[in-house]
N, C-alpha and C. Protein backbone atom coordinates (compact mmCIF):
# COMPACT_ATOMS: atom_id res chain seq x y z
N MET A 1 20.36 20.93 -37.12
CA MET A 1 20.47 21.12 -35.36
C MET A 1 21.09 20.14 -34.91
N ALA A 2 22.06 20.15 -34.08
CA ALA A 2 22.99 18.90 -33.62
C ALA A 2 22.13 18.22 -32.26
N GLU A 3 21.89 17.03 -32.30
CA GLU A 3 21.25 16.30 -31.16
C GLU A 3 21.94 16.63 -29.56
N LEU A 4 21.31 16.84 -28.71
CA LEU A 4 21.54 17.21 -27.36
C LEU A 4 22.08 15.67 -26.90
N ARG A 5 23.23 15.82 -26.15
CA ARG A 5 23.48 14.30 -25.64
C ARG A 5 24.06 14.65 -24.03
N PRO A 6 23.74 13.84 -23.18
CA PRO A 6 24.24 14.27 -21.79
C PRO A 6 25.61 14.19 -21.77
N PRO A 7 26.41 15.02 -21.10
CA PRO A 7 27.90 14.72 -21.00
C PRO A 7 28.36 13.24 -20.49
N THR A 8 29.43 13.07 -21.16
CA THR A 8 29.64 11.67 -20.75
C THR A 8 30.52 11.63 -19.30
N ALA A 9 30.25 10.67 -18.60
CA ALA A 9 30.72 10.47 -17.19
C ALA A 9 32.33 10.34 -17.19
N PRO A 10 33.14 11.07 -16.14
CA PRO A 10 34.70 10.61 -16.04
C PRO A 10 34.94 9.44 -15.91
N PRO A 11 36.29 8.96 -16.33
CA PRO A 11 36.87 7.84 -16.58
C PRO A 11 36.50 7.26 -15.37
N SER A 12 37.16 7.89 -14.04
CA SER A 12 36.79 7.17 -12.44
C SER A 12 35.46 6.94 -11.98
N PHE A 13 34.34 7.72 -12.72
CA PHE A 13 33.01 7.11 -12.45
C PHE A 13 32.70 5.76 -13.36
N GLU A 14 33.01 5.86 -14.40
CA GLU A 14 32.82 4.65 -15.19
C GLU A 14 33.37 3.63 -14.90
N SER A 15 34.58 3.53 -14.32
CA SER A 15 35.30 2.21 -13.70
C SER A 15 34.49 1.96 -12.69
N ALA A 16 33.89 2.90 -11.61
CA ALA A 16 33.22 2.65 -10.42
C ALA A 16 32.10 1.80 -10.79
N ALA A 17 31.44 2.33 -11.93
CA ALA A 17 30.27 2.02 -12.44
C ALA A 17 30.36 0.35 -12.77
N ALA A 18 31.40 0.12 -13.49
CA ALA A 18 31.56 -1.05 -14.19
C ALA A 18 31.72 -2.15 -12.84
N ASP A 19 32.57 -1.69 -11.77
CA ASP A 19 32.75 -2.68 -10.58
C ASP A 19 31.35 -2.95 -9.96
N VAL A 20 30.52 -2.04 -9.70
CA VAL A 20 29.15 -2.06 -9.39
C VAL A 20 28.37 -3.00 -10.20
N ARG A 21 28.44 -2.90 -11.51
CA ARG A 21 27.70 -3.80 -12.24
C ARG A 21 27.92 -5.27 -12.18
N ALA A 22 29.37 -5.61 -12.01
CA ALA A 22 29.91 -6.78 -12.11
C ALA A 22 29.83 -7.41 -10.70
N THR A 23 29.36 -6.92 -9.96
CA THR A 23 29.22 -7.55 -8.39
C THR A 23 28.19 -8.78 -8.64
N VAL A 24 28.59 -9.93 -8.22
CA VAL A 24 27.60 -11.26 -8.06
C VAL A 24 26.91 -11.27 -6.77
N PHE A 25 25.51 -11.52 -7.06
CA PHE A 25 24.56 -11.63 -5.91
C PHE A 25 24.31 -12.58 -5.78
N ARG A 26 23.62 -13.12 -4.57
CA ARG A 26 23.28 -14.21 -4.05
C ARG A 26 21.83 -15.04 -5.11
N ALA A 27 21.78 -16.00 -5.54
CA ALA A 27 20.77 -16.30 -6.14
C ALA A 27 19.25 -15.92 -5.95
N ASP A 28 18.93 -15.48 -4.54
CA ASP A 28 17.46 -15.34 -4.59
C ASP A 28 17.37 -13.78 -4.35
N LEU A 29 18.33 -13.01 -4.58
CA LEU A 29 18.17 -11.61 -4.78
C LEU A 29 18.24 -11.30 -6.60
N SER A 30 17.22 -10.81 -6.91
CA SER A 30 17.25 -10.46 -8.19
C SER A 30 17.37 -8.94 -8.47
N VAL A 31 18.73 -8.71 -9.00
CA VAL A 31 19.14 -7.14 -9.12
C VAL A 31 19.20 -6.67 -10.53
N ARG A 32 18.76 -5.41 -10.57
CA ARG A 32 18.76 -4.88 -12.11
C ARG A 32 19.12 -3.16 -11.82
N GLU A 33 19.71 -2.81 -12.80
CA GLU A 33 19.89 -1.29 -13.16
C GLU A 33 18.59 -0.55 -13.14
N ILE A 34 18.31 0.41 -12.60
CA ILE A 34 17.13 1.43 -13.03
C ILE A 34 17.45 2.88 -13.33
N PRO A 35 16.99 3.75 -13.74
CA PRO A 35 17.40 4.93 -14.01
C PRO A 35 17.39 5.69 -12.21
N ALA A 36 18.68 6.26 -12.42
CA ALA A 36 19.15 7.03 -11.26
C ALA A 36 18.45 8.08 -10.66
N PRO A 37 17.85 8.48 -9.91
CA PRO A 37 17.41 9.98 -9.40
C PRO A 37 17.98 10.97 -10.04
N ALA A 38 17.48 12.19 -10.62
CA ALA A 38 18.09 13.01 -10.82
C ALA A 38 18.58 14.32 -9.87
N GLY A 39 19.65 14.82 -10.25
CA GLY A 39 19.66 16.21 -9.62
C GLY A 39 20.71 15.91 -7.96
N LEU A 40 20.94 14.72 -7.90
CA LEU A 40 21.47 14.43 -6.69
C LEU A 40 23.23 14.52 -6.77
N ALA A 41 23.72 14.13 -7.93
CA ALA A 41 24.97 14.38 -8.34
C ALA A 41 25.21 14.63 -9.74
N PRO A 42 26.44 14.97 -10.29
CA PRO A 42 26.77 15.02 -11.74
C PRO A 42 26.56 13.63 -12.03
N ASP A 43 27.00 12.60 -11.34
CA ASP A 43 27.40 11.18 -11.96
C ASP A 43 26.24 10.23 -10.96
N SER A 44 25.69 9.37 -11.34
CA SER A 44 24.93 8.41 -10.75
C SER A 44 24.72 7.43 -11.20
N LEU A 45 24.51 6.21 -10.26
CA LEU A 45 24.26 4.70 -10.79
C LEU A 45 23.00 4.43 -9.85
N ALA A 46 21.92 3.74 -10.33
CA ALA A 46 21.18 2.88 -9.38
C ALA A 46 21.03 1.57 -9.44
N LEU A 47 20.65 0.74 -8.45
CA LEU A 47 20.19 -0.64 -8.70
C LEU A 47 18.92 -0.90 -7.96
N ALA A 48 18.12 -1.74 -8.24
CA ALA A 48 16.97 -2.35 -7.47
C ALA A 48 17.21 -3.68 -7.31
N GLY A 49 16.65 -4.29 -5.90
CA GLY A 49 16.87 -5.71 -5.46
C GLY A 49 15.69 -6.05 -4.90
N ASP A 50 15.42 -7.03 -5.60
CA ASP A 50 13.98 -7.79 -4.72
C ASP A 50 14.15 -9.18 -4.25
N VAL A 51 13.80 -9.76 -3.27
CA VAL A 51 13.89 -10.86 -2.48
C VAL A 51 13.17 -11.80 -3.12
N ARG A 52 13.56 -12.96 -3.73
CA ARG A 52 12.66 -13.94 -4.43
C ARG A 52 11.38 -13.23 -4.78
N PRO A 53 11.69 -12.76 -5.84
CA PRO A 53 10.28 -11.96 -6.54
C PRO A 53 9.61 -12.97 -7.42
N GLU A 54 8.48 -12.93 -7.28
CA GLU A 54 7.57 -13.80 -8.05
C GLU A 54 7.64 -13.40 -9.76
N GLN A 55 7.92 -11.83 -10.00
CA GLN A 55 7.96 -11.56 -11.37
C GLN A 55 9.01 -10.28 -11.21
N ASP A 56 10.07 -10.40 -12.30
CA ASP A 56 11.22 -9.64 -12.47
C ASP A 56 10.67 -8.30 -12.67
N GLY A 57 11.12 -7.06 -11.93
CA GLY A 57 10.74 -5.56 -11.83
C GLY A 57 9.62 -5.30 -11.29
N VAL A 58 9.03 -6.27 -10.05
CA VAL A 58 8.03 -5.96 -9.14
C VAL A 58 8.45 -6.03 -7.89
N ASP A 59 8.24 -4.98 -6.94
CA ASP A 59 8.58 -5.07 -5.72
C ASP A 59 8.30 -6.58 -5.04
N SER A 60 9.36 -7.07 -4.53
CA SER A 60 9.21 -8.58 -3.61
C SER A 60 8.00 -8.42 -2.64
N ALA A 61 7.19 -9.58 -2.13
CA ALA A 61 6.40 -9.71 -0.82
C ALA A 61 7.38 -9.93 0.08
N TYR A 62 8.88 -10.25 -0.03
CA TYR A 62 9.81 -10.35 1.03
C TYR A 62 10.37 -9.22 1.34
N GLY A 63 10.93 -8.81 0.48
CA GLY A 63 11.66 -7.48 0.85
C GLY A 63 12.18 -6.69 -0.55
N THR A 64 12.35 -5.79 -0.55
CA THR A 64 13.04 -5.06 -1.49
C THR A 64 14.11 -3.95 -1.15
N GLY A 65 14.84 -3.22 -2.10
CA GLY A 65 15.86 -2.33 -1.50
C GLY A 65 16.51 -1.42 -2.95
N ARG A 66 16.90 -0.35 -2.65
CA ARG A 66 17.72 0.36 -3.65
C ARG A 66 19.12 0.49 -3.45
N PHE A 67 19.66 0.87 -4.10
CA PHE A 67 21.38 1.08 -4.15
C PHE A 67 21.83 2.39 -4.89
N ILE A 68 22.51 3.47 -4.45
CA ILE A 68 22.60 4.56 -5.36
C ILE A 68 23.84 4.77 -5.28
N LEU A 69 24.82 4.87 -6.34
CA LEU A 69 26.18 5.37 -6.21
C LEU A 69 26.01 6.71 -6.56
N LEU A 70 26.42 7.87 -5.95
CA LEU A 70 26.62 9.30 -6.21
C LEU A 70 28.16 9.61 -6.25
N HIS A 71 28.47 10.42 -7.63
CA HIS A 71 29.90 11.00 -7.78
C HIS A 71 29.69 12.21 -8.09
N ASP A 72 30.62 13.41 -7.15
CA ASP A 72 30.96 14.49 -7.10
C ASP A 72 32.07 15.09 -7.31
N PRO A 73 32.61 15.65 -8.31
CA PRO A 73 34.06 15.81 -8.02
C PRO A 73 34.23 16.98 -7.17
N SER A 74 33.43 17.67 -6.82
CA SER A 74 33.56 19.15 -5.95
C SER A 74 33.56 18.66 -4.57
N GLU A 75 33.23 16.85 -4.29
CA GLU A 75 33.49 16.61 -2.80
C GLU A 75 32.66 17.51 -1.89
N PRO A 76 31.50 17.32 -1.79
CA PRO A 76 30.51 18.32 -1.03
C PRO A 76 30.88 17.66 0.78
N SER A 77 30.81 18.98 1.32
CA SER A 77 31.76 18.73 2.88
C SER A 77 30.91 17.71 3.42
N ALA A 78 29.34 17.63 3.35
CA ALA A 78 28.69 16.57 4.20
C ALA A 78 29.00 15.15 3.62
N TRP A 79 29.71 15.29 2.34
CA TRP A 79 30.16 13.43 1.95
C TRP A 79 31.39 13.32 2.42
N GLU A 80 32.40 14.21 2.65
CA GLU A 80 33.69 13.92 3.21
C GLU A 80 34.44 13.32 1.95
N GLY A 81 34.23 13.55 0.64
CA GLY A 81 34.83 13.07 -0.61
C GLY A 81 34.05 13.22 -1.71
N ALA A 82 34.45 12.52 -2.62
CA ALA A 82 33.80 12.84 -4.02
C ALA A 82 32.38 11.64 -4.29
N TRP A 83 32.53 10.75 -3.57
CA TRP A 83 31.36 9.28 -3.55
C TRP A 83 30.70 9.48 -2.35
N ARG A 84 29.33 9.31 -2.56
CA ARG A 84 28.24 8.65 -1.80
C ARG A 84 27.63 7.70 -2.04
N ILE A 85 27.25 6.78 -1.23
CA ILE A 85 26.27 5.70 -1.54
C ILE A 85 24.81 5.98 -0.34
N VAL A 86 23.93 5.81 -1.26
CA VAL A 86 22.36 5.89 -0.32
C VAL A 86 21.91 4.60 -1.03
N CYS A 87 21.42 4.17 0.39
CA CYS A 87 20.63 3.07 0.18
C CYS A 87 19.23 3.13 1.08
N PHE A 88 18.43 1.94 0.59
CA PHE A 88 17.19 1.88 0.53
C PHE A 88 16.85 0.57 0.97
N ALA A 89 16.20 -0.04 2.18
CA ALA A 89 15.83 -1.31 2.33
C ALA A 89 14.68 -1.56 3.46
N GLN A 90 13.53 -2.24 2.55
CA GLN A 90 12.50 -2.47 3.21
C GLN A 90 11.77 -4.04 3.33
N ALA A 91 11.05 -4.39 4.32
CA ALA A 91 10.57 -5.76 4.40
C ALA A 91 9.26 -5.87 5.05
N PRO A 92 8.41 -6.59 5.14
CA PRO A 92 7.13 -6.79 5.72
C PRO A 92 7.49 -7.38 7.06
N LEU A 93 7.00 -7.35 8.01
CA LEU A 93 7.18 -8.26 9.54
C LEU A 93 5.87 -8.70 10.26
N GLU A 94 5.97 -9.63 10.90
CA GLU A 94 4.72 -10.14 11.35
C GLU A 94 4.51 -8.97 12.75
N PRO A 95 3.51 -8.54 12.84
CA PRO A 95 2.77 -7.45 13.79
C PRO A 95 3.93 -7.85 15.21
N ASP A 96 4.00 -8.86 15.69
CA ASP A 96 4.63 -9.19 17.03
C ASP A 96 5.76 -8.75 17.21
N ILE A 97 6.50 -8.60 15.94
CA ILE A 97 8.11 -8.31 15.68
C ILE A 97 8.09 -7.04 15.53
N GLY A 98 7.12 -6.31 15.07
CA GLY A 98 7.19 -4.94 14.64
C GLY A 98 6.93 -3.98 15.75
N VAL A 99 6.28 -4.43 16.72
CA VAL A 99 6.37 -4.03 17.73
C VAL A 99 7.71 -3.93 18.93
N ASP A 100 8.49 -4.56 18.54
CA ASP A 100 9.70 -4.58 19.59
C ASP A 100 10.43 -3.34 19.49
N PRO A 101 10.66 -2.78 20.74
CA PRO A 101 11.23 -1.47 20.63
C PRO A 101 12.79 -1.08 20.15
N MET A 102 13.32 -2.34 20.17
CA MET A 102 14.73 -2.46 19.51
C MET A 102 14.88 -2.82 18.14
N LEU A 103 13.70 -2.81 17.38
CA LEU A 103 13.72 -3.04 16.19
C LEU A 103 14.49 -2.56 15.14
N ALA A 104 14.35 -0.87 15.26
CA ALA A 104 15.06 0.06 14.61
C ALA A 104 16.82 -0.09 14.78
N ASP A 105 17.23 -0.25 16.13
CA ASP A 105 18.25 -0.07 16.13
C ASP A 105 18.76 -1.56 15.35
N VAL A 106 18.55 -2.69 15.99
CA VAL A 106 18.71 -3.93 15.13
C VAL A 106 19.07 -3.68 13.37
N ALA A 107 17.78 -3.00 12.69
CA ALA A 107 18.18 -2.96 11.49
C ALA A 107 19.25 -2.29 11.19
N TRP A 108 19.39 -0.94 11.95
CA TRP A 108 20.77 -0.08 11.78
C TRP A 108 22.03 -1.12 12.23
N SER A 109 21.95 -2.02 13.12
CA SER A 109 23.06 -2.48 13.36
C SER A 109 23.53 -3.69 12.32
N TRP A 110 22.46 -4.30 11.76
CA TRP A 110 22.74 -5.26 10.66
C TRP A 110 23.44 -4.45 9.37
N LEU A 111 22.94 -3.18 9.34
CA LEU A 111 24.09 -2.53 7.98
C LEU A 111 25.19 -2.43 8.82
N MET A 112 25.44 -1.88 9.77
CA MET A 112 26.95 -1.69 10.04
C MET A 112 27.67 -3.05 10.17
N ASP A 113 26.87 -4.19 10.65
CA ASP A 113 27.57 -5.47 10.74
C ASP A 113 27.89 -6.01 9.28
N ALA A 114 27.07 -5.69 8.37
CA ALA A 114 27.11 -6.21 7.01
C ALA A 114 28.15 -5.32 6.25
N LEU A 115 28.63 -3.95 6.59
CA LEU A 115 29.92 -3.28 6.20
C LEU A 115 31.10 -3.68 6.80
N ALA A 116 30.88 -4.39 8.13
CA ALA A 116 32.05 -4.91 8.53
C ALA A 116 32.68 -6.18 8.12
N SER A 117 31.73 -6.90 8.16
CA SER A 117 31.67 -8.26 7.46
C SER A 117 32.26 -8.17 6.22
N ARG A 118 31.93 -7.30 5.36
CA ARG A 118 32.42 -7.31 3.62
C ARG A 118 33.94 -6.40 3.75
N SER A 119 34.31 -5.81 5.14
CA SER A 119 35.57 -5.24 5.03
C SER A 119 35.27 -3.84 4.01
N ALA A 120 34.04 -3.18 4.22
CA ALA A 120 34.04 -1.96 3.26
C ALA A 120 34.22 -0.88 4.25
N PRO A 121 35.33 -0.49 3.99
CA PRO A 121 35.73 1.03 5.14
C PRO A 121 34.89 2.22 4.55
N PHE A 122 34.21 3.26 5.54
CA PHE A 122 33.30 4.19 5.01
C PHE A 122 33.60 5.37 6.04
N ARG A 123 32.89 6.52 5.90
CA ARG A 123 32.94 7.66 6.52
C ARG A 123 31.57 8.48 6.32
N ALA A 124 31.24 9.29 7.26
CA ALA A 124 30.07 10.12 7.58
C ALA A 124 28.74 9.43 7.46
N ALA A 125 28.43 8.19 7.97
CA ALA A 125 27.36 7.47 7.75
C ALA A 125 25.92 8.24 8.28
N SER A 126 25.22 8.09 7.82
CA SER A 126 23.82 8.36 8.50
C SER A 126 22.52 7.61 8.07
N GLY A 127 21.43 7.76 8.76
CA GLY A 127 20.17 7.27 8.06
C GLY A 127 19.01 7.21 9.04
N THR A 128 17.92 6.42 8.68
CA THR A 128 16.78 6.48 9.58
C THR A 128 16.18 4.91 9.46
N ALA A 129 16.02 4.27 10.53
CA ALA A 129 15.10 3.11 10.69
C ALA A 129 13.83 3.20 11.24
N THR A 130 12.91 3.04 10.24
CA THR A 130 11.34 3.07 10.57
C THR A 130 10.61 2.02 10.41
N LYS A 131 9.73 1.93 11.68
CA LYS A 131 8.95 0.84 11.74
C LYS A 131 7.53 1.27 11.59
N THR A 132 6.43 0.62 10.76
CA THR A 132 5.42 0.83 10.43
C THR A 132 4.31 -0.42 10.94
N LEU A 133 3.51 0.21 11.82
CA LEU A 133 2.49 -0.98 11.89
C LEU A 133 0.97 -0.65 11.41
N SER A 134 0.18 -1.29 10.95
CA SER A 134 -1.00 -1.06 10.02
C SER A 134 -2.34 -2.18 10.67
N LYS A 135 -3.26 -1.49 10.42
CA LYS A 135 -4.17 -2.63 10.78
C LYS A 135 -5.75 -2.01 9.32
N GLY A 136 -6.05 -3.00 8.90
CA GLY A 136 -6.99 -2.61 7.91
C GLY A 136 -8.40 -2.77 8.39
N PHE A 137 -9.25 -1.51 7.86
CA PHE A 137 -10.80 -1.66 8.32
C PHE A 137 -11.68 -1.38 6.73
N GLY A 138 -12.91 -1.77 7.09
CA GLY A 138 -13.81 -1.44 6.27
C GLY A 138 -13.65 -2.71 5.25
N SER A 139 -13.42 -2.21 3.36
CA SER A 139 -12.99 -3.17 2.66
C SER A 139 -11.68 -3.58 3.01
N LEU A 140 -10.90 -3.19 3.45
CA LEU A 140 -9.40 -3.69 3.95
C LEU A 140 -9.46 -4.32 5.15
N ALA A 141 -10.11 -4.74 5.64
CA ALA A 141 -10.30 -5.48 6.90
C ALA A 141 -9.75 -6.76 6.88
N ALA A 142 -9.78 -7.20 5.89
CA ALA A 142 -9.31 -8.69 5.37
C ALA A 142 -7.94 -8.51 5.48
N GLU A 143 -7.29 -7.48 5.41
CA GLU A 143 -5.52 -7.30 5.56
C GLU A 143 -5.10 -7.59 7.00
N GLY A 144 -6.13 -7.66 7.54
CA GLY A 144 -5.70 -7.78 9.25
C GLY A 144 -4.36 -6.68 9.33
N GLU A 145 -3.71 -7.10 10.63
CA GLU A 145 -2.57 -6.50 11.12
C GLU A 145 -1.45 -6.47 10.28
N GLY A 146 -0.44 -5.75 10.21
CA GLY A 146 0.75 -5.84 9.60
C GLY A 146 1.70 -4.92 10.13
N ALA A 147 3.26 -5.29 9.54
CA ALA A 147 4.03 -4.44 10.10
C ALA A 147 5.27 -4.24 8.96
N GLN A 148 5.96 -3.22 9.03
CA GLN A 148 7.29 -2.98 8.26
C GLN A 148 8.16 -2.29 8.78
N ILE A 149 9.51 -2.78 8.29
CA ILE A 149 10.49 -2.13 8.60
C ILE A 149 11.24 -1.49 7.20
N GLU A 150 11.78 -0.25 7.54
CA GLU A 150 12.56 0.54 6.21
C GLU A 150 13.56 1.19 6.96
N LEU A 151 14.77 1.29 6.10
CA LEU A 151 15.93 1.28 6.35
C LEU A 151 16.50 2.51 5.36
N ARG A 152 16.60 3.46 5.48
CA ARG A 152 17.45 4.47 4.57
C ARG A 152 18.76 4.91 5.28
N ALA A 153 19.65 4.92 4.39
CA ALA A 153 20.86 5.15 4.78
C ALA A 153 21.86 5.69 3.85
N SER A 154 22.95 6.41 3.98
CA SER A 154 23.91 6.97 3.29
C SER A 154 25.26 6.95 4.29
N TRP A 155 26.40 6.81 3.30
CA TRP A 155 27.91 6.78 3.74
C TRP A 155 28.79 6.87 2.42
N SER A 156 29.94 7.67 3.14
CA SER A 156 30.83 7.63 2.02
C SER A 156 31.92 6.62 1.94
N PRO A 157 31.86 5.96 0.89
CA PRO A 157 32.76 4.65 0.82
C PRO A 157 34.12 4.68 0.50
N ALA A 158 35.09 3.82 1.11
CA ALA A 158 36.38 4.26 0.77
C ALA A 158 37.12 2.59 0.14
N GLY A 159 37.79 2.69 -0.55
CA GLY A 159 38.53 1.55 -1.46
C GLY A 159 37.20 1.29 -2.39
N SER A 160 37.66 -0.27 -2.76
CA SER A 160 36.60 -0.62 -3.70
C SER A 160 35.19 -0.95 -3.50
N LEU A 161 34.41 -0.43 -4.12
CA LEU A 161 32.76 -0.58 -4.35
C LEU A 161 32.25 -1.38 -4.10
N THR A 162 33.00 -2.81 -4.43
CA THR A 162 32.19 -4.17 -4.61
C THR A 162 31.60 -4.40 -2.96
N PRO A 163 32.64 -4.56 -2.27
CA PRO A 163 32.25 -4.73 -0.58
C PRO A 163 31.07 -4.03 -0.29
N HIS A 164 30.95 -2.98 -0.96
CA HIS A 164 29.67 -1.87 -0.33
C HIS A 164 28.40 -2.34 -0.85
N VAL A 165 28.63 -2.72 -2.12
CA VAL A 165 27.08 -3.39 -2.84
C VAL A 165 26.98 -4.73 -2.13
N GLU A 166 27.78 -5.49 -1.67
CA GLU A 166 27.58 -6.73 -1.39
C GLU A 166 26.77 -6.52 -0.01
N ALA A 167 27.41 -5.43 0.63
CA ALA A 167 27.09 -5.26 2.01
C ALA A 167 25.26 -4.82 2.39
N TRP A 168 25.19 -3.97 1.05
CA TRP A 168 23.51 -3.85 0.83
C TRP A 168 22.67 -4.64 0.44
N SER A 169 23.23 -5.27 -0.20
CA SER A 169 22.41 -7.09 -0.59
C SER A 169 22.20 -7.76 0.46
N GLU A 170 23.12 -7.80 1.48
CA GLU A 170 23.17 -8.66 2.52
C GLU A 170 22.15 -7.98 3.43
N LEU A 171 22.03 -6.52 3.58
CA LEU A 171 21.03 -6.27 4.37
C LEU A 171 19.65 -6.36 4.03
N VAL A 172 19.28 -6.38 2.57
CA VAL A 172 18.16 -6.28 2.21
C VAL A 172 17.74 -7.92 2.21
N CYS A 173 18.57 -8.89 2.10
CA CYS A 173 17.98 -10.03 2.58
C CYS A 173 17.89 -10.45 4.14
N MET A 174 18.82 -9.75 5.03
CA MET A 174 18.66 -9.73 6.40
C MET A 174 17.20 -9.28 6.79
N LEU A 175 16.75 -8.12 6.31
CA LEU A 175 15.70 -7.63 6.51
C LEU A 175 14.49 -8.53 6.43
N ALA A 176 14.52 -9.20 5.13
CA ALA A 176 13.66 -10.08 4.70
C ALA A 176 13.66 -11.41 5.39
N GLY A 177 14.47 -11.47 6.27
CA GLY A 177 14.50 -12.76 7.26
C GLY A 177 15.14 -13.94 6.35
N LEU A 178 16.25 -13.33 5.48
CA LEU A 178 17.12 -14.48 5.07
C LEU A 178 18.63 -14.13 5.07
N PRO A 179 19.38 -14.67 6.59
CA PRO A 179 20.53 -14.13 6.69
C PRO A 179 21.45 -14.97 5.73
N PRO A 180 22.88 -14.52 5.87
CA PRO A 180 23.74 -15.11 4.89
C PRO A 180 23.89 -16.45 4.95
N GLY A 181 23.95 -16.97 3.91
CA GLY A 181 23.77 -18.84 3.47
C GLY A 181 22.67 -19.27 3.80
N SER A 182 21.52 -18.48 3.40
CA SER A 182 20.07 -19.02 3.44
C SER A 182 19.75 -19.42 2.37
N GLU A 183 20.55 -19.42 1.00
CA GLU A 183 19.95 -19.65 -0.16
C GLU A 183 18.87 -20.56 -0.52
N ASP A 184 19.42 -21.64 0.15
CA ASP A 184 18.51 -23.00 -0.12
C ASP A 184 17.50 -23.15 0.95
N ILE A 185 17.16 -22.37 1.55
CA ILE A 185 16.21 -22.45 2.71
C ILE A 185 14.85 -22.09 2.21
N ALA A 186 13.97 -22.73 2.41
CA ALA A 186 12.39 -22.23 2.08
C ALA A 186 12.24 -21.28 2.67
N VAL A 187 11.14 -20.39 2.21
CA VAL A 187 10.51 -19.32 3.13
C VAL A 187 9.02 -19.75 2.68
N LEU A 188 8.40 -19.62 3.95
CA LEU A 188 6.92 -20.42 4.13
C LEU A 188 6.21 -19.16 3.98
N GLY A 189 5.81 -18.79 2.63
CA GLY A 189 4.40 -17.79 2.41
C GLY A 189 5.26 -16.52 2.85
N SER A 190 4.16 -15.34 2.13
CA SER A 190 4.81 -14.06 2.06
C SER A 190 4.16 -13.30 3.46
N ARG A 191 4.77 -12.57 4.09
CA ARG A 191 4.24 -11.73 5.15
C ARG A 191 3.46 -10.64 4.78
N ARG A 192 3.30 -10.45 3.52
CA ARG A 192 2.21 -9.49 3.05
C ARG A 192 0.88 -10.13 2.65
N ALA A 193 0.58 -11.24 3.06
CA ALA A 193 -0.70 -11.90 2.86
C ALA A 193 -1.55 -11.64 3.78
N PRO A 194 -3.01 -11.99 3.65
CA PRO A 194 -3.90 -11.64 4.56
C PRO A 194 -3.60 -12.38 5.95
N ARG A 195 -3.80 -11.64 7.19
CA ARG A 195 -3.44 -11.92 8.32
C ARG A 195 -4.64 -12.57 9.01
N ASP A 196 -4.79 -13.50 9.89
CA ASP A 196 -5.88 -13.75 10.76
C ASP A 196 -6.16 -12.65 11.58
């Protein structure tokens, strides 16, 4: 009996995937390829990124993100083309920042700015920005108060994919409090540590 093997991806996807894999990231963002979610498109590739992780493969206390490249030759109408990028980025925040009513708008604008700064043209962008406030009680009281920002977005890329991957990596770092050019700046403790 012949072994079942997944169909090979078309050359256009293999070329795009090679470009994504060849992207060079800033030194304080650890990026690795992970299994892509099944069933979203005929062809897909996924990356995970962690800001200054203490251990590779473990979500960072500073911020984390996912980048998924999807390809569907049938060109779903919502995509306005054969390619789609889905991204996720989250970072812990100090509670006083988490209550800012403009925080969600700022997170979305950082993605748009990152795409613009990398000259990464796109269509059909959509997404959500969610801010979460928390407070520990009982045996979790020592955790104190905390906050988190999370951005989920998707868009259809045009042109080279490298600027889109770079924009995603910039977004992950920005949410973690590391603006462009801050690779050598020390981070003073994790925002996920117990708070007073």
